[in-house]
Amino acid sequence: MTITITAFERSPDGGRGLARDTRVRWALEEVGQPYKVRLVSFRAMKEPAHLAVHPFGQIPTYEEGDLALFETGAIVLHIAQRHAGLLPEDANARARAVTWMFASVNTVEPPILDLQNALFLEGDKPWHAERLPLVKDRIRGRLNQLSVRLGDADWLDGAFSAGDLMMASVLLRLRASGILDEYRNLAAYVARAEARPAYKRAFEAQLAVNTGKPSSG
């Protein structure tokens, strides 16, 4: 059955890999599954046809036969469970990989998204200058903990897994802020993830949508 995902017709980041469809593209590339992309405008995302698949009017969505999914973490987990390549065979290792998936979106990503809101939505507020350092300190608190846990390892728990895919995708959101560069092992971790051929193919495919240039993959 054909897999179809949705993505922004024009991504707010200009195709720099920060839109969440990149995570789904990357997962499908890692497991070698072909897929189609249905591009949606901001207007179309709020219309009944799209809301029938994603009740909150966002992207990405995933459709395969009678199955329709939304929420990036749920989609990536489904892909990882259905196809070999993103979860270890050992049951305990699989459970740990899933734990890292949840940690990325539930523990690490929220303060990072808070920073984006502070920068782009609250810049004109009178309390912006006082709040911004607090937001950045909360991010550093999480990164301190993550950096200690990663240490000098290549990946979070043995071989690369869906946990690393999700965590690296979250950390990529920090690149423009300069905060990621304060943690050499985390910056190197993200660079290793970006160097994976599957990530490169996903990134190029998303970039091509926004630049009009065909991807090389």
Protein backbone atom coordinates (compact mmCIF):
# COMPACT_ATOMS: atom_id res chain seq x y z
CA MET A 1 0.00 0.00 0.00
CA THR A 2 1.17 3.50 -0.82
CA ILE A 3 2.29 5.69 2.06
CA THR A 4 1.25 9.33 1.78
CA ILE A 5 2.38 12.05 4.15
CA THR A 6 1.50 15.72 4.26
CA ALA A 7 3.90 18.66 4.36
CA PHE A 8 3.79 22.42 4.13
CA GLU A 9 3.26 23.81 0.66
CA ARG A 10 5.70 26.49 1.81
CA SER A 11 7.51 25.79 5.07
CA PRO A 12 7.97 28.67 7.54
CA ASP A 13 11.65 27.72 7.83
CA GLY A 14 12.21 27.85 4.08
CA GLY A 15 13.06 24.15 3.94
CA ARG A 16 15.87 24.05 6.52
CA GLY A 17 14.65 20.76 7.95
CA LEU A 18 12.84 22.14 11.00
CA ALA A 19 9.30 21.35 9.88
CA ARG A 20 8.13 18.13 11.48
CA ASP A 21 7.50 16.33 8.20
CA THR A 22 11.30 16.07 7.98
CA ARG A 23 11.25 13.61 10.88
CA VAL A 24 8.73 11.39 9.10
CA ARG A 25 10.61 11.62 5.80
CA TRP A 26 13.81 10.69 7.62
CA ALA A 27 12.23 7.67 9.30
CA LEU A 28 10.85 6.39 6.00
CA GLU A 29 14.25 6.87 4.35
CA GLU A 30 15.98 4.98 7.17
CA VAL A 31 13.75 1.95 6.71
CA GLY A 32 13.76 2.15 2.91
CA GLN A 33 10.04 2.76 2.40
CA PRO A 34 8.87 4.81 -0.60
CA TYR A 35 6.27 7.46 0.06
CA LYS A 36 4.31 10.22 -1.58
CA VAL A 37 3.90 13.76 -0.26
CA ARG A 38 0.71 15.78 -0.43
CA LEU A 39 1.50 19.46 -0.01
CA VAL A 40 -1.01 21.57 1.89
CA SER A 41 -1.33 25.31 2.30
CA PHE A 42 -1.99 26.98 5.65
CA ARG A 43 -5.55 27.55 4.52
CA ALA A 44 -6.05 23.93 3.49
CA MET A 45 -4.74 22.74 6.85
CA LYS A 46 -7.82 24.27 8.51
CA GLU A 47 -10.35 22.88 6.06
CA PRO A 48 -12.55 19.82 6.76
CA ALA A 49 -10.66 17.41 4.50
CA HIS A 50 -7.40 17.89 6.38
CA LEU A 51 -9.05 18.19 9.80
CA ALA A 52 -10.59 14.75 9.22
CA VAL A 53 -7.05 13.35 9.35
CA HIS A 54 -5.42 15.80 11.75
CA PRO A 55 -8.02 17.27 14.15
CA PHE A 56 -5.66 20.09 15.18
CA GLY A 57 -5.00 21.24 11.63
CA GLN A 58 -1.25 20.66 11.54
CA ILE A 59 1.29 18.62 9.59
CA PRO A 60 2.48 15.97 9.07
CA THR A 61 -0.10 13.28 8.65
CA TYR A 62 0.46 9.69 7.55
CA GLU A 63 -1.95 7.63 5.48
CA GLU A 64 -1.54 4.02 4.40
CA GLY A 65 -4.58 2.12 3.25
CA ASP A 66 -7.25 2.48 5.93
CA LEU A 67 -4.78 3.82 8.48
CA ALA A 68 -4.52 7.56 9.12
CA LEU A 69 -2.17 8.93 11.77
CA PHE A 70 -1.15 12.32 13.09
CA GLU A 71 1.48 13.47 15.63
CA THR A 72 5.08 13.02 14.56
CA GLY A 73 6.14 10.83 17.45
CA ALA A 74 3.25 8.42 16.87
CA ILE A 75 4.00 8.27 13.14
CA VAL A 76 7.72 7.62 13.61
CA LEU A 77 6.97 4.97 16.24
CA HIS A 78 4.55 3.26 13.86
CA ILE A 79 7.15 3.24 11.10
CA ALA A 80 9.82 1.93 13.46
CA GLN A 81 7.59 -0.87 14.75
CA ARG A 82 6.45 -1.95 11.30
CA HIS A 83 9.82 -1.88 9.50
CA ALA A 84 13.28 -3.00 10.57
CA GLY A 85 16.03 -0.47 11.04
CA LEU A 86 14.92 1.97 13.74
CA LEU A 87 14.36 -0.20 16.79
CA PRO A 88 16.66 -2.86 18.29
CA GLU A 89 15.60 -6.50 18.29
CA ASP A 90 16.24 -6.91 22.03
CA ALA A 91 13.02 -6.14 23.91
CA ASN A 92 14.66 -4.08 26.65
CA ALA A 93 16.70 -2.08 24.15
CA ARG A 94 13.54 -1.43 22.12
CA ALA A 95 11.80 -0.12 25.22
CA ARG A 96 14.72 2.20 25.97
CA ALA A 97 14.69 3.53 22.40
CA VAL A 98 10.98 4.31 22.72
CA THR A 99 11.69 6.02 26.04
CA TRP A 100 14.17 8.33 24.31
CA MET A 101 11.54 9.12 21.67
CA PHE A 102 9.15 10.27 24.39
CA ALA A 103 11.91 12.14 26.22
CA SER A 104 12.77 14.11 23.10
CA VAL A 105 9.27 15.51 22.61
CA ASN A 106 8.04 15.60 26.21
CA THR A 107 11.14 16.73 28.11
CA VAL A 108 13.68 18.31 25.77
CA GLU A 109 11.54 19.96 23.09
CA PRO A 110 9.08 22.03 25.21
CA PRO A 111 11.64 24.58 26.50
CA ILE A 112 13.13 24.81 22.99
CA LEU A 113 9.71 25.63 21.54
CA ASP A 114 9.26 28.13 24.35
CA LEU A 115 12.40 29.89 23.13
CA GLN A 116 11.02 30.10 19.60
CA ASN A 117 7.80 31.59 20.93
CA ALA A 118 9.76 34.09 23.00
CA LEU A 119 11.85 35.15 20.01
CA PHE A 120 9.19 35.33 17.33
CA LEU A 121 5.92 35.99 19.13
CA GLU A 122 6.85 37.92 22.26
CA GLY A 123 9.60 40.26 21.11
CA ASP A 124 7.40 43.32 21.52
CA LYS A 125 6.26 42.49 25.04
CA PRO A 126 7.54 44.67 27.91
CA TRP A 127 8.74 41.62 29.84
CA HIS A 128 10.56 40.04 26.88
CA ALA A 129 14.08 41.09 27.94
CA GLU A 130 13.61 39.69 31.44
CA ARG A 131 11.97 36.44 30.36
CA LEU A 132 14.38 35.48 27.57
CA PRO A 133 17.35 34.59 29.84
CA LEU A 134 15.06 32.42 31.97
CA VAL A 135 13.87 30.51 28.92
CA LYS A 136 17.44 29.93 27.76
CA ASP A 137 18.48 28.76 31.22
CA ARG A 138 15.71 26.15 31.21
CA ILE A 139 17.03 24.84 27.92
CA ARG A 140 20.57 24.69 29.28
CA GLY A 141 19.30 22.78 32.28
CA ARG A 142 17.96 20.05 30.01
CA LEU A 143 21.01 20.07 27.76
CA ASN A 144 23.32 19.76 30.76
CA GLN A 145 21.51 16.58 31.75
CA LEU A 146 21.43 15.21 28.21
CA SER A 147 25.10 16.01 27.64
CA VAL A 148 26.10 14.12 30.77
CA ARG A 149 24.03 11.11 29.75
CA LEU A 150 25.40 11.01 26.21
CA GLY A 151 29.01 11.49 27.30
CA ASP A 152 31.39 10.48 24.53
CA ALA A 153 29.03 7.91 22.99
CA ASP A 154 27.94 8.18 19.38
CA TRP A 155 24.26 7.53 20.14
CA LEU A 156 21.99 7.55 23.17
CA ASP A 157 21.79 3.79 23.72
CA GLY A 158 24.05 1.66 21.57
CA ALA A 159 23.24 1.78 17.86
CA PHE A 160 21.30 4.58 16.15
CA SER A 161 17.57 4.26 16.76
CA ALA A 162 14.29 6.11 16.45
CA GLY A 163 15.17 7.69 19.80
CA ASP A 164 18.20 9.34 18.21
CA LEU A 165 16.21 10.36 15.14
CA MET A 166 13.69 12.20 17.30
CA MET A 167 16.25 13.69 19.69
CA ALA A 168 18.53 14.99 16.94
CA SER A 169 15.52 16.50 15.16
CA VAL A 170 14.58 18.35 18.33
CA LEU A 171 18.12 19.60 18.96
CA LEU A 172 18.38 20.92 15.41
CA ARG A 173 15.90 23.62 16.41
CA LEU A 174 18.59 25.13 18.63
CA ARG A 175 21.22 25.66 15.96
CA ALA A 176 20.29 29.26 15.13
CA SER A 177 20.31 30.24 18.82
CA GLY A 178 23.94 29.19 19.33
CA ILE A 179 23.04 27.30 22.50
CA LEU A 180 23.74 23.90 20.94
CA ASP A 181 27.34 24.94 20.25
CA GLU A 182 27.89 25.32 23.99
CA TYR A 183 27.80 21.52 24.24
CA ARG A 184 30.47 19.98 22.08
CA ASN A 185 29.27 16.42 22.42
CA LEU A 186 25.67 17.34 21.60
CA ALA A 187 26.71 19.43 18.60
CA ALA A 188 28.80 16.48 17.36
CA TYR A 189 25.84 14.15 18.01
CA VAL A 190 23.58 16.25 15.81
CA ALA A 191 26.27 16.47 13.12
CA ARG A 192 26.51 12.65 13.06
CA ALA A 193 22.76 12.42 12.62
CA GLU A 194 22.80 14.96 9.78
CA ALA A 195 25.57 12.99 8.07
CA ARG A 196 23.40 9.89 7.74
CA PRO A 197 22.44 9.30 4.09
CA ALA A 198 18.78 8.86 5.03
CA TYR A 199 18.71 12.25 6.72
CA LYS A 200 20.38 13.90 3.74
CA ARG A 201 17.75 12.46 1.40
CA ALA A 202 14.92 13.64 3.65
CA PHE A 203 16.44 17.10 4.02
CA GLU A 204 16.99 17.51 0.29
CA ALA A 205 13.43 16.39 -0.47
CA GLN A 206 11.99 18.93 1.94
CA LEU A 207 14.30 21.67 0.72
CA ALA A 208 13.34 20.98 -2.90
CA VAL A 209 9.70 21.77 -2.13
CA ASN A 210 10.67 25.24 -0.94
CA THR A 211 13.34 26.07 -3.52
CA GLY A 212 11.71 24.52 -6.57
CA LYS A 213 14.90 22.60 -7.30
CA PRO A 214 14.67 18.80 -7.64
CA SER A 215 16.44 16.79 -4.96
CA SER A 216 19.36 14.58 -5.94
CA GLY A 217 17.96 11.61 -4.03
